[in-house]
């Protein structure tokens, strides 16, 4: 479960930036193609936050849909998998433009 190590890093980063202030909430942006199980991330967040300034904080997750761009026709298409073929040509290569993100977008402190 790599979500545990990811969550430990998220909590450590937020704790560092909070500088001792109580954190009430954290918002993450997580791409649909990032390979992260959101339920596991939520579960790990509560465990990793125990005993820190994040204990009891709400975790908000904004999902970023996958999107690719065809290198042949320049068309942008939604992606459900990190590997895709453009509808214009079954051999055309695509590059991923969105959906692989894992960002700490904001934190609420008081």
N, C-alpha and C. Protein backbone atom coordinates (compact mmCIF):
# COMPACT_ATOMS: atom_id res chain seq x y z
N UNK A 1 0.85 -1.17 0.00
CA UNK A 1 0.00 0.00 0.00
C UNK A 1 0.90 1.24 0.00
N UNK A 2 1.14 1.80 -1.17
CA UNK A 2 1.99 2.99 -1.25
C UNK A 2 1.27 4.24 -0.77
N UNK A 3 -0.04 4.16 -0.58
CA UNK A 3 -0.78 5.31 -0.06
C UNK A 3 -0.30 5.72 1.33
N UNK A 4 0.17 4.76 2.12
CA UNK A 4 0.67 5.07 3.46
C UNK A 4 1.90 5.96 3.38
N UNK A 5 2.86 5.62 2.55
CA UNK A 5 4.06 6.46 2.44
C UNK A 5 3.74 7.81 1.82
N UNK A 6 2.84 7.83 0.87
CA UNK A 6 2.41 9.10 0.26
C UNK A 6 1.77 9.98 1.33
N UNK A 7 0.89 9.41 2.13
CA UNK A 7 0.20 10.17 3.16
C UNK A 7 1.16 10.66 4.24
N UNK A 8 2.13 9.85 4.60
CA UNK A 8 3.13 10.31 5.57
C UNK A 8 3.84 11.56 5.05
N UNK A 9 4.18 11.57 3.77
CA UNK A 9 4.85 12.73 3.18
C UNK A 9 3.93 13.94 3.14
N UNK A 10 2.66 13.73 2.82
CA UNK A 10 1.69 14.83 2.80
C UNK A 10 1.57 15.44 4.20
N UNK A 11 1.39 14.60 5.21
CA UNK A 11 1.24 15.07 6.58
C UNK A 11 2.51 15.81 7.02
N UNK A 12 3.68 15.27 6.73
CA UNK A 12 4.94 15.92 7.12
C UNK A 12 5.07 17.29 6.46
N UNK A 13 4.68 17.39 5.20
CA UNK A 13 4.77 18.67 4.49
C UNK A 13 3.82 19.70 5.09
N UNK A 14 2.59 19.27 5.37
CA UNK A 14 1.61 20.19 5.95
C UNK A 14 2.03 20.62 7.35
N UNK A 15 2.52 19.69 8.15
CA UNK A 15 2.99 20.02 9.51
C UNK A 15 4.10 21.06 9.43
N UNK A 16 5.02 20.88 8.52
CA UNK A 16 6.13 21.82 8.36
C UNK A 16 5.62 23.22 8.01
N UNK A 17 4.67 23.30 7.09
CA UNK A 17 4.15 24.59 6.66
C UNK A 17 3.19 25.22 7.67
N UNK A 18 2.59 24.41 8.53
CA UNK A 18 1.67 24.93 9.54
C UNK A 18 2.41 25.65 10.65
N UNK A 19 3.66 25.31 10.86
CA UNK A 19 4.50 25.96 11.89
C UNK A 19 3.82 26.03 13.25
N UNK A 20 3.30 24.88 13.67
CA UNK A 20 2.72 24.78 15.01
C UNK A 20 1.26 25.18 15.13
N UNK A 21 0.69 25.75 14.07
CA UNK A 21 -0.73 26.13 14.12
C UNK A 21 -1.60 24.89 13.90
N UNK A 22 -2.78 24.89 14.46
CA UNK A 22 -3.73 23.79 14.28
C UNK A 22 -4.28 23.82 12.86
N UNK A 23 -4.28 22.68 12.21
CA UNK A 23 -4.80 22.56 10.85
C UNK A 23 -6.20 21.95 10.92
N UNK A 24 -7.16 22.67 10.33
CA UNK A 24 -8.55 22.20 10.34
C UNK A 24 -8.91 21.41 9.09
N UNK A 25 -8.19 21.64 8.01
CA UNK A 25 -8.51 20.93 6.78
C UNK A 25 -7.37 21.01 5.78
N UNK A 26 -7.31 20.01 4.93
CA UNK A 26 -6.32 19.94 3.86
C UNK A 26 -7.05 19.57 2.58
N UNK A 27 -6.73 20.28 1.50
CA UNK A 27 -7.31 19.96 0.20
C UNK A 27 -6.21 19.46 -0.72
N UNK A 28 -6.44 18.28 -1.26
CA UNK A 28 -5.52 17.68 -2.23
C UNK A 28 -6.16 17.69 -3.60
N UNK A 29 -5.34 17.78 -4.63
CA UNK A 29 -5.80 17.54 -6.00
C UNK A 29 -5.12 16.26 -6.46
N UNK A 30 -5.95 15.27 -6.80
CA UNK A 30 -5.44 13.95 -7.16
C UNK A 30 -5.96 13.57 -8.54
N UNK A 31 -5.05 13.30 -9.44
CA UNK A 31 -5.42 12.90 -10.79
C UNK A 31 -5.96 11.49 -10.84
N UNK A 32 -6.94 11.29 -11.72
CA UNK A 32 -7.54 9.96 -11.89
C UNK A 32 -6.54 8.94 -12.43
N UNK A 33 -5.44 9.41 -13.02
CA UNK A 33 -4.43 8.51 -13.58
C UNK A 33 -3.22 8.36 -12.66
N UNK A 34 -3.29 8.90 -11.45
CA UNK A 34 -2.15 8.91 -10.54
C UNK A 34 -1.89 7.55 -9.89
N UNK A 35 -2.83 6.64 -10.02
CA UNK A 35 -2.63 5.32 -9.43
C UNK A 35 -2.78 5.31 -7.91
N UNK A 36 -3.61 6.20 -7.40
CA UNK A 36 -3.80 6.31 -5.96
C UNK A 36 -5.23 5.91 -5.61
N UNK A 37 -5.35 5.02 -4.68
CA UNK A 37 -6.66 4.58 -4.19
C UNK A 37 -7.13 5.60 -3.15
N UNK A 38 -8.18 6.34 -3.48
CA UNK A 38 -8.62 7.45 -2.63
C UNK A 38 -9.12 7.00 -1.27
N UNK A 39 -9.80 5.87 -1.19
CA UNK A 39 -10.28 5.38 0.11
C UNK A 39 -9.10 5.04 1.01
N UNK A 40 -8.06 4.43 0.45
CA UNK A 40 -6.87 4.10 1.23
C UNK A 40 -6.16 5.37 1.69
N UNK A 41 -6.12 6.38 0.82
CA UNK A 41 -5.51 7.66 1.17
C UNK A 41 -6.25 8.31 2.34
N UNK A 42 -7.58 8.28 2.30
CA UNK A 42 -8.38 8.84 3.39
C UNK A 42 -8.13 8.08 4.71
N UNK A 43 -8.09 6.77 4.62
CA UNK A 43 -7.86 5.95 5.80
C UNK A 43 -6.48 6.26 6.39
N UNK A 44 -5.47 6.31 5.55
CA UNK A 44 -4.10 6.57 6.01
C UNK A 44 -3.95 7.98 6.57
N UNK A 45 -4.70 8.93 6.02
CA UNK A 45 -4.61 10.31 6.49
C UNK A 45 -4.96 10.40 7.97
N UNK A 46 -6.06 9.78 8.36
CA UNK A 46 -6.47 9.82 9.76
C UNK A 46 -5.42 9.19 10.68
N UNK A 47 -4.83 8.12 10.24
CA UNK A 47 -3.80 7.43 11.04
C UNK A 47 -2.54 8.29 11.14
N UNK A 48 -2.07 8.81 10.03
CA UNK A 48 -0.84 9.60 10.00
C UNK A 48 -0.99 10.94 10.71
N UNK A 49 -2.21 11.47 10.76
CA UNK A 49 -2.45 12.77 11.40
C UNK A 49 -2.49 12.68 12.93
N UNK A 50 -2.69 11.48 13.47
CA UNK A 50 -2.77 11.32 14.93
C UNK A 50 -1.51 11.87 15.60
N UNK A 51 -1.73 12.68 16.65
CA UNK A 51 -0.63 13.22 17.42
C UNK A 51 0.08 14.40 16.77
N UNK A 52 -0.46 14.89 15.65
CA UNK A 52 0.12 16.05 14.97
C UNK A 52 -0.88 17.20 14.99
N UNK A 53 -0.48 18.33 14.45
CA UNK A 53 -1.40 19.48 14.36
C UNK A 53 -2.52 19.23 13.36
N UNK A 54 -2.48 18.11 12.65
CA UNK A 54 -3.55 17.75 11.71
C UNK A 54 -4.59 16.82 12.31
N UNK A 55 -4.36 16.39 13.54
CA UNK A 55 -5.32 15.45 14.14
C UNK A 55 -6.71 16.06 14.14
N UNK A 56 -7.67 15.34 13.59
CA UNK A 56 -9.04 15.80 13.49
C UNK A 56 -9.33 16.66 12.26
N UNK A 57 -8.31 16.94 11.46
CA UNK A 57 -8.50 17.77 10.26
C UNK A 57 -9.32 17.01 9.21
N UNK A 58 -10.07 17.77 8.44
CA UNK A 58 -10.82 17.19 7.33
C UNK A 58 -9.92 17.10 6.10
N UNK A 59 -10.05 16.01 5.39
CA UNK A 59 -9.32 15.84 4.14
C UNK A 59 -10.30 16.01 2.99
N UNK A 60 -10.03 16.98 2.14
CA UNK A 60 -10.84 17.22 0.95
C UNK A 60 -10.01 16.80 -0.26
N UNK A 61 -10.64 16.06 -1.16
CA UNK A 61 -9.93 15.60 -2.35
C UNK A 61 -10.69 16.06 -3.58
N UNK A 62 -9.99 16.80 -4.43
CA UNK A 62 -10.54 17.19 -5.73
C UNK A 62 -9.90 16.27 -6.77
N UNK A 63 -10.74 15.55 -7.48
CA UNK A 63 -10.24 14.64 -8.51
C UNK A 63 -10.03 15.39 -9.82
N UNK A 64 -8.89 15.13 -10.45
CA UNK A 64 -8.55 15.73 -11.74
C UNK A 64 -8.72 14.66 -12.81
N UNK A 65 -9.63 14.86 -13.75
CA UNK A 65 -9.83 13.85 -14.79
C UNK A 65 -8.61 13.75 -15.71
N UNK A 66 -8.42 12.56 -16.24
CA UNK A 66 -7.34 12.35 -17.20
C UNK A 66 -7.66 13.00 -18.54
N UNK A 67 -6.61 13.57 -19.15
CA UNK A 67 -6.78 14.19 -20.46
C UNK A 67 -5.48 14.02 -21.23
N UNK A 68 -5.62 13.67 -22.50
CA UNK A 68 -4.46 13.51 -23.35
C UNK A 68 -4.56 14.34 -24.61
N UNK A 69 -3.41 14.52 -25.25
CA UNK A 69 -3.38 15.27 -26.51
C UNK A 69 -2.66 14.41 -27.54
N UNK A 70 -3.29 14.31 -28.71
CA UNK A 70 -2.74 13.51 -29.81
C UNK A 70 -1.57 14.26 -30.44
N UNK A 71 -0.48 13.57 -30.66
CA UNK A 71 0.69 14.18 -31.28
C UNK A 71 0.54 14.32 -32.79
N UNK A 72 -0.47 13.68 -33.36
CA UNK A 72 -0.71 13.77 -34.81
C UNK A 72 -1.70 14.87 -35.16
N UNK A 73 -2.87 14.84 -34.52
CA UNK A 73 -3.93 15.79 -34.89
C UNK A 73 -4.12 16.92 -33.88
N UNK A 74 -3.43 16.85 -32.74
CA UNK A 74 -3.49 17.85 -31.68
C UNK A 74 -4.84 17.87 -30.95
N UNK A 75 -5.67 16.86 -31.16
CA UNK A 75 -6.97 16.78 -30.47
C UNK A 75 -6.75 16.39 -29.01
N UNK A 76 -7.52 17.01 -28.14
CA UNK A 76 -7.49 16.68 -26.72
C UNK A 76 -8.68 15.77 -26.41
N UNK A 77 -8.39 14.67 -25.72
CA UNK A 77 -9.44 13.69 -25.42
C UNK A 77 -9.36 13.27 -23.96
N UNK A 78 -10.50 12.91 -23.37
CA UNK A 78 -10.48 12.40 -21.99
C UNK A 78 -9.79 11.03 -21.96
N UNK A 79 -9.07 10.78 -20.87
CA UNK A 79 -8.38 9.50 -20.70
C UNK A 79 -8.85 8.83 -19.42
N UNK A 80 -9.14 7.56 -19.52
CA UNK A 80 -9.49 6.78 -18.34
C UNK A 80 -8.33 5.89 -17.91
N UNK A 81 -7.34 5.73 -18.78
CA UNK A 81 -6.15 4.94 -18.52
C UNK A 81 -4.94 5.75 -18.95
N UNK A 82 -3.77 5.48 -18.38
CA UNK A 82 -2.59 6.25 -18.75
C UNK A 82 -2.04 5.92 -20.15
N UNK A 83 -2.64 4.94 -20.81
CA UNK A 83 -2.24 4.60 -22.17
C UNK A 83 -3.47 4.76 -23.06
N UNK A 84 -3.32 5.50 -24.15
CA UNK A 84 -4.47 5.75 -25.00
C UNK A 84 -4.05 5.89 -26.46
N UNK A 85 -5.01 5.67 -27.32
CA UNK A 85 -4.83 5.84 -28.75
C UNK A 85 -5.88 6.85 -29.21
N UNK A 86 -5.44 7.83 -29.99
CA UNK A 86 -6.35 8.86 -30.46
C UNK A 86 -7.37 8.27 -31.44
N UNK A 87 -8.60 8.76 -31.38
CA UNK A 87 -9.61 8.30 -32.32
C UNK A 87 -9.27 8.63 -33.78
N UNK A 88 -8.37 9.59 -34.02
CA UNK A 88 -8.04 9.97 -35.40
C UNK A 88 -7.25 8.89 -36.13
N UNK A 89 -6.48 8.09 -35.38
CA UNK A 89 -5.61 7.10 -36.02
C UNK A 89 -5.21 6.09 -34.96
N UNK A 90 -5.44 4.83 -35.21
CA UNK A 90 -5.16 3.81 -34.20
C UNK A 90 -3.69 3.68 -33.85
N UNK A 91 -2.83 4.34 -34.58
CA UNK A 91 -1.40 4.29 -34.27
C UNK A 91 -0.88 5.60 -33.68
N UNK A 92 -1.69 6.62 -33.67
CA UNK A 92 -1.24 7.94 -33.20
C UNK A 92 -0.91 7.90 -31.72
N UNK A 93 0.19 8.52 -31.37
CA UNK A 93 0.63 8.58 -29.98
C UNK A 93 -0.02 9.76 -29.26
N UNK A 94 -0.28 9.53 -27.97
CA UNK A 94 -0.88 10.56 -27.13
C UNK A 94 0.10 10.92 -26.02
N UNK A 95 0.02 12.17 -25.57
CA UNK A 95 0.74 12.55 -24.37
C UNK A 95 -0.30 12.92 -23.31
N UNK A 96 0.03 12.62 -22.08
CA UNK A 96 -0.89 12.92 -20.99
C UNK A 96 -0.70 14.38 -20.58
N UNK A 97 -1.78 15.13 -20.58
CA UNK A 97 -1.74 16.53 -20.18
C UNK A 97 -2.28 16.74 -18.77
N UNK A 98 -3.15 15.88 -18.30
CA UNK A 98 -3.73 16.03 -16.97
C UNK A 98 -4.16 14.67 -16.45
N UNK A 99 -4.17 14.56 -15.13
CA UNK A 99 -4.66 13.34 -14.51
C UNK A 99 -3.63 12.59 -13.70
N UNK A 100 -2.36 13.01 -13.77
CA UNK A 100 -1.32 12.33 -13.00
C UNK A 100 -0.92 13.12 -11.75
N UNK A 101 -1.63 14.20 -11.47
CA UNK A 101 -1.26 15.10 -10.38
C UNK A 101 -1.50 14.49 -9.00
N UNK A 102 -0.69 14.93 -8.08
CA UNK A 102 -0.91 14.73 -6.64
C UNK A 102 -0.35 15.98 -5.99
N UNK A 103 -1.25 16.91 -5.67
CA UNK A 103 -0.85 18.21 -5.16
C UNK A 103 -1.53 18.53 -3.84
N UNK A 104 -0.77 19.13 -2.92
CA UNK A 104 -1.38 19.71 -1.74
C UNK A 104 -1.83 21.10 -2.21
N UNK A 105 -3.12 21.25 -2.38
CA UNK A 105 -3.65 22.49 -2.95
C UNK A 105 -3.78 23.59 -1.89
N UNK A 106 -4.28 23.23 -0.71
CA UNK A 106 -4.44 24.24 0.34
C UNK A 106 -4.58 23.57 1.69
N UNK A 107 -4.43 24.40 2.72
CA UNK A 107 -4.66 23.93 4.09
C UNK A 107 -5.34 25.05 4.86
N UNK A 108 -6.24 24.65 5.76
CA UNK A 108 -6.97 25.60 6.59
C UNK A 108 -6.36 25.57 7.98
N UNK A 109 -5.88 26.71 8.44
CA UNK A 109 -5.27 26.78 9.77
C UNK A 109 -5.96 27.86 10.60
N UNK A 110 -5.80 27.75 11.91
CA UNK A 110 -6.28 28.84 12.79
C UNK A 110 -5.31 29.05 13.91
